[in-house]
Protein backbone atom coordinates (compact mmCIF):
# COMPACT_ATOMS: atom_id res chain seq x y z
CA MET A 1 327.74 -93.24 50.54
CA THR A 2 326.57 -91.65 47.31
CA GLY A 3 323.71 -92.63 45.11
CA ASP A 4 323.95 -95.02 42.17
CA LEU A 5 321.64 -97.41 40.32
CA ARG A 6 321.69 -100.20 42.88
CA SER A 7 320.77 -100.51 46.53
CA ARG A 8 323.41 -100.62 49.20
CA ILE A 9 323.46 -102.26 52.63
CA VAL A 10 325.44 -100.73 55.48
CA GLY A 11 326.38 -102.97 58.38
CA LEU A 12 327.73 -106.09 56.71
CA ALA A 13 331.36 -105.00 56.99
CA GLU A 14 331.35 -101.51 58.46
CA SER A 15 330.01 -102.27 61.96
CA LEU A 16 332.37 -101.48 64.82
CA HIS A 17 333.17 -103.69 67.78
CA GLY A 18 331.24 -102.69 70.88
CA PRO A 19 328.60 -99.96 71.31
CA SER A 20 328.49 -97.52 68.40
CA TRP A 21 326.21 -95.02 66.67
CA CYS A 22 325.26 -94.15 63.10
CA ALA A 23 324.54 -90.64 61.78
CA ILE A 24 322.84 -90.47 58.39
CA LEU A 25 322.25 -87.45 56.15
CA LEU A 26 319.85 -88.59 53.43
CA GLU A 27 319.45 -86.00 50.67
CA ASP A 28 317.38 -87.95 48.14
CA GLY A 29 315.55 -91.27 48.07
CA GLY A 30 314.88 -93.53 51.02
CA ALA A 31 316.32 -96.16 53.32
CA VAL A 32 315.17 -98.92 55.66
CA LEU A 33 316.72 -99.84 59.01
CA SER A 34 316.56 -103.39 60.32
CA GLY A 35 313.98 -103.74 63.08
CA GLU A 36 312.02 -100.64 62.00
CA ASP A 37 308.76 -100.68 60.07
CA ALA A 38 308.85 -97.02 59.04
CA ARG A 39 311.06 -95.98 56.14
CA ILE A 40 313.51 -93.09 56.33
CA GLU A 41 312.62 -90.60 53.59
CA ALA A 42 314.84 -87.75 52.36
CA PRO A 43 315.63 -85.02 53.17
CA VAL A 44 316.39 -86.11 56.71
CA LEU A 45 319.03 -86.38 59.41
CA ALA A 46 318.79 -89.73 61.20
CA TRP A 47 320.67 -90.96 64.26
CA ARG A 48 320.61 -94.50 65.57
CA PRO A 49 322.40 -96.48 68.30
CA TRP A 50 324.17 -99.27 66.38
CA ASP A 51 325.38 -102.79 67.01
CA GLU A 52 326.91 -105.62 64.99
CA THR A 53 323.48 -106.87 63.90
CA SER A 54 322.25 -103.48 62.61
CA ARG A 55 321.59 -103.15 58.89
CA LEU A 56 320.72 -100.07 56.82
CA ARG A 57 319.52 -100.59 53.23
CA PHE A 58 319.57 -97.57 50.92
CA ASP A 59 317.24 -97.53 47.92
CA ALA A 60 318.73 -97.66 44.45
CA GLY A 61 319.70 -94.13 43.47
CA ALA A 62 319.54 -92.76 47.01
CA VAL A 63 321.93 -89.90 47.73
CA GLY A 64 323.39 -89.25 51.15
CA THR A 65 326.21 -89.77 53.61
CA TYR A 66 326.63 -91.74 56.82
CA VAL A 67 329.24 -92.03 59.55
CA LEU A 68 329.70 -94.69 62.23
CA LEU A 69 331.02 -93.58 65.64
CA SER A 70 332.70 -95.75 68.27
CA ALA A 71 332.22 -95.18 72.02
CA SER A 72 335.58 -93.43 72.25
CA ALA A 73 334.77 -91.18 69.26
CA LEU A 74 331.45 -90.19 70.81
CA GLY A 75 333.07 -89.59 74.20
CA ASN A 76 335.81 -87.41 72.69
CA THR A 77 333.27 -85.48 70.62
CA ILE A 78 331.07 -84.66 73.59
CA GLY A 79 334.07 -83.97 75.81
CA HIS A 80 333.49 -81.68 78.77
CA LEU A 81 330.95 -79.29 77.31
CA PRO A 82 328.38 -77.87 79.78
CA GLU A 83 325.75 -79.50 77.55
CA ALA A 84 327.48 -82.89 77.79
CA ARG A 85 324.72 -84.53 79.80
CA ASP A 86 322.03 -83.51 77.30
CA LEU A 87 324.18 -84.60 74.35
CA ARG A 88 324.80 -88.01 75.93
CA ASP A 89 321.10 -88.38 76.61
CA VAL A 90 320.19 -87.51 73.02
CA ALA A 91 322.86 -89.89 71.68
CA ASP A 92 321.16 -92.88 73.26
CA HIS A 93 317.88 -92.33 71.39
CA ALA A 94 316.82 -93.11 67.84
CA LEU A 95 316.10 -89.73 66.22
CA THR A 96 314.82 -88.70 62.80
CA VAL A 97 314.92 -84.98 61.95
CA PRO A 98 313.13 -83.85 58.74
CA LEU A 99 315.06 -81.17 56.84
CA THR A 100 312.43 -80.06 54.31
CA ALA A 101 312.01 -76.55 55.69
CA SER A 102 315.53 -76.17 57.10
CA THR A 103 317.72 -74.97 54.25
CA GLU A 104 320.38 -73.44 56.51
CA ARG A 105 320.47 -76.49 58.80
CA ARG A 106 320.67 -78.79 55.80
CA PHE A 107 323.59 -76.82 54.37
CA ALA A 108 325.42 -76.87 57.74
CA LEU A 109 324.94 -80.63 58.03
CA ARG A 110 326.06 -81.21 54.45
CA THR A 111 329.20 -79.21 55.21
CA ALA A 112 329.82 -81.22 58.40
CA PHE A 113 329.47 -84.63 56.74
CA ALA A 114 331.61 -83.54 53.78
CA GLY A 115 334.23 -82.17 56.17
CA ILE A 116 334.40 -85.45 58.08
CA ARG A 117 334.87 -87.40 54.86
CA ARG A 118 337.57 -85.01 53.63
CA GLU A 119 339.52 -85.08 56.90
CA LEU A 120 339.41 -88.88 57.11
CA GLU A 121 340.56 -89.27 53.51
CA GLU A 122 343.39 -86.73 53.77
CA ASP A 123 344.49 -87.86 57.25
CA ALA A 124 346.24 -84.52 57.81
CA VAL A 125 347.80 -83.33 61.07
CA ALA A 126 345.19 -83.02 63.87
CA ALA A 127 342.46 -84.40 61.58
CA HIS A 128 340.74 -85.97 64.60
CA VAL A 129 340.26 -82.52 66.15
CA VAL A 130 338.50 -81.24 63.03
CA VAL A 131 336.39 -84.41 62.76
CA GLU A 132 335.25 -84.04 66.38
CA ALA A 133 334.26 -80.42 65.70
CA TYR A 134 332.11 -81.49 62.73
CA LEU A 135 330.58 -84.30 64.79
CA ARG A 136 329.60 -81.75 67.44
CA VAL A 137 327.72 -79.82 64.76
CA ILE A 138 325.71 -82.97 64.00
CA LEU A 139 325.01 -83.76 67.67
CA ILE A 140 323.95 -80.21 68.44
CA ALA A 141 321.59 -80.24 65.44
CA LEU A 142 320.01 -83.38 66.93
CA LEU A 143 319.82 -81.79 70.37
CA ARG A 144 318.09 -78.67 69.04
CA ALA A 145 315.59 -80.66 67.02
CA ALA A 146 314.84 -83.43 69.52
CA PRO A 147 312.36 -83.46 72.37
CA SER A 148 313.97 -82.41 75.65
CA TYR A 149 315.02 -85.68 77.29
CA SER A 150 316.87 -83.85 80.05
CA GLU A 151 313.76 -82.23 81.48
CA GLY A 152 311.71 -85.40 81.59
CA PRO A 153 308.05 -85.77 80.66
CA GLN A 154 305.56 -82.96 80.95
CA GLY A 155 304.20 -82.89 84.48
CA ALA A 156 307.32 -84.47 85.99
CA SER A 157 307.30 -84.47 89.78
CA PRO A 158 309.24 -81.85 91.77
CA SER A 159 311.67 -84.61 92.77
CA HIS A 160 312.40 -85.48 89.13
CA ARG A 161 312.87 -81.83 88.21
CA ALA A 162 315.23 -81.30 91.15
CA PHE A 163 317.11 -84.47 90.27
CA THR A 164 317.62 -83.17 86.73
CA ARG A 165 319.16 -80.01 88.18
CA PHE A 166 321.38 -82.11 90.45
CA SER A 167 322.62 -84.39 87.66
CA THR A 168 323.36 -81.34 85.48
CA LEU A 169 325.44 -79.87 88.31
CA VAL A 170 327.27 -83.18 88.72
CA GLU A 171 328.14 -83.15 85.02
CA ARG A 172 329.61 -79.67 85.38
CA HIS A 173 331.46 -80.11 88.66
CA PHE A 174 332.39 -83.76 89.26
CA ARG A 175 335.98 -82.94 88.27
CA ASP A 176 336.00 -80.23 90.95
CA ARG A 177 335.36 -82.88 93.62
CA TRP A 178 332.36 -81.02 95.04
CA SER A 179 331.01 -82.42 98.30
CA VAL A 180 327.40 -83.57 98.66
CA SER A 181 326.84 -80.62 101.01
CA LEU A 182 327.99 -78.15 98.35
CA TYR A 183 325.65 -79.66 95.76
CA ALA A 184 322.77 -79.46 98.25
CA GLN A 185 323.60 -75.86 99.15
CA THR A 186 323.79 -74.84 95.46
CA LEU A 187 320.38 -76.45 94.85
CA GLY A 188 318.87 -74.78 97.92
CA LEU A 189 318.23 -78.15 99.58
CA THR A 190 319.31 -79.76 102.81
CA ARG A 191 321.71 -82.67 102.52
CA ASP A 192 319.01 -85.04 103.82
CA ARG A 193 316.47 -83.73 101.29
CA LEU A 194 318.95 -84.24 98.44
CA GLY A 195 319.62 -87.78 99.64
CA ASP A 196 315.91 -88.61 99.85
CA MET A 197 315.31 -87.19 96.37
CA CYS A 198 318.16 -89.18 94.76
CA ARG A 199 317.09 -92.43 96.39
CA ARG A 200 313.47 -91.87 95.33
CA VAL A 201 314.34 -91.13 91.69
CA ARG A 202 317.37 -93.39 91.10
CA GLY A 203 317.61 -95.69 94.11
CA LEU A 204 321.11 -94.37 94.88
CA GLY A 205 322.48 -91.82 97.32
CA PRO A 206 324.01 -88.59 95.95
CA LYS A 207 327.56 -89.71 96.81
CA ASP A 208 327.03 -92.94 94.89
CA ILE A 209 325.78 -90.99 91.87
CA ILE A 210 328.77 -88.63 91.96
CA ASP A 211 331.23 -91.50 92.34
CA ARG A 212 329.57 -93.38 89.48
CA ARG A 213 330.08 -90.38 87.19
CA VAL A 214 333.75 -90.12 88.22
CA MET A 215 334.24 -93.83 87.58
CA ILE A 216 332.75 -93.63 84.08
CA GLU A 217 335.11 -90.76 83.24
CA SER A 218 338.02 -92.64 84.80
CA ARG A 219 337.34 -95.71 82.69
CA LEU A 220 336.95 -93.66 79.51
CA LEU A 221 340.28 -91.90 80.07
CA LEU A 222 342.05 -95.16 80.87
CA GLU A 223 340.53 -96.90 77.85
CA THR A 224 340.77 -94.19 75.19
CA SER A 225 343.58 -91.81 76.14
CA GLY A 226 347.33 -92.11 76.49
CA ARG A 227 347.39 -90.09 79.68
CA SER A 228 349.30 -91.44 82.65
CA VAL A 229 347.51 -92.34 85.88
CA ASN A 230 348.98 -89.19 87.46
CA GLU A 231 347.56 -87.04 84.65
CA ILE A 232 344.14 -88.67 84.91
CA ALA A 233 344.12 -88.19 88.69
CA SER A 234 344.86 -84.49 88.20
CA ALA A 235 342.23 -84.10 85.44
CA LEU A 236 339.59 -85.58 87.74
CA GLY A 237 340.46 -83.29 90.65
CA PHE A 238 342.19 -85.79 92.94
CA GLY A 239 344.90 -84.41 95.20
CA SER A 240 347.32 -87.17 94.25
CA ALA A 241 347.65 -90.34 92.20
CA ALA A 242 347.54 -92.34 95.45
CA GLN A 243 344.16 -90.83 96.30
CA PHE A 244 342.85 -91.68 92.82
CA ASN A 245 344.22 -95.22 93.14
CA ARG A 246 342.37 -95.77 96.42
CA PHE A 247 339.15 -94.43 94.90
CA PHE A 248 339.46 -96.63 91.80
CA VAL A 249 340.32 -99.78 93.77
CA ARG A 250 337.33 -99.21 96.03
CA HIS A 251 334.96 -99.14 93.05
CA ALA A 252 336.65 -101.44 90.52
CA GLY A 253 338.52 -103.88 92.75
CA GLN A 254 341.86 -103.21 91.04
CA PRO A 255 344.26 -100.27 90.50
CA PRO A 256 343.72 -98.07 87.42
CA GLY A 257 346.98 -99.20 85.82
CA ALA A 258 345.98 -102.85 86.11
CA TYR A 259 342.53 -102.03 84.76
CA ARG A 260 344.05 -100.39 81.67
CA VAL A 261 346.33 -103.38 80.98
CA ALA A 262 343.44 -105.85 81.39
CA PHE A 263 341.17 -103.76 79.17
CA LEU A 264 343.72 -103.55 76.35
CA ARG A 265 344.31 -107.29 76.53
CA GLY A 266 340.57 -107.81 76.39
CA ILE A 267 340.29 -105.59 73.30
CA GLU A 268 342.85 -107.81 71.55
CA LYS A 269 340.75 -110.85 72.42
CA GLY A 270 337.45 -109.12 71.62
CA VAL A 271 336.03 -109.46 75.12
CA SER A 272 336.44 -106.01 76.72
CA ASP A 273 333.30 -103.97 77.37
CA PRO A 274 334.07 -100.26 76.86
CA ALA A 275 332.66 -97.68 79.25
CA ARG A 276 329.55 -95.99 77.85
CA PRO A 277 330.10 -92.25 78.28
CA PHE A 278 326.37 -91.50 78.57
CA ASP A 279 325.56 -94.40 80.89
CA TRP A 280 324.68 -92.46 84.02
CA PRO A 281 323.18 -91.76 86.49
């Protein structure tokens, strides 16, 4: 979007099917988001979870850029970074980052948005890799500027602080198929203490939390990648495709191959619900 002499509404035609997100770099002028009383005033970086009813109205003459991300685009952008949990947490919040005193940050963001637009227009080889790199720049700028969601509120209980450490370890090692005992040992806790803490904070046992994270990743890979079931099993640390199949059937009630076929058919009919990559624990 670039400024002109009339206002512009985003969301009438651009909205994506399913959960999505909007990143906005507003360099001049203002904008209003549906459902929000406060205006967005330039210069600012804004991030909002988005749905098919969302509307963003730019003032006449406003200058800026926006990009809409699907669930698969967000999942691919975050990938398997050690900071993935924090990035997912930030992505699910509405954030507005003023850029008045941040010349270097503003320049980096302008470069990122311009790079995304250029790569999408040129559609060159491996453009998606470059786009994901620029999107990471935007997400990390949000992470650095936002309050720390990962550490919880000031004065959080010891159980909540320990749970944050546990969930961060899960994010880093769920593909390594760590046992509950190994997580407890790494945290300096007994297995029983870890179990009590998880049930107090989330109402789930540690094994349930680990399995839930593996299932979200399994669904994302089945939904958004062309990898075979064997390749996905290997990527998630399973000893064999048969072992992965048993795990998936236990949690989803059907084999991973059947899940993928049903999901793709549902996409065609507009009824599939994509996995949300940040939706844990």
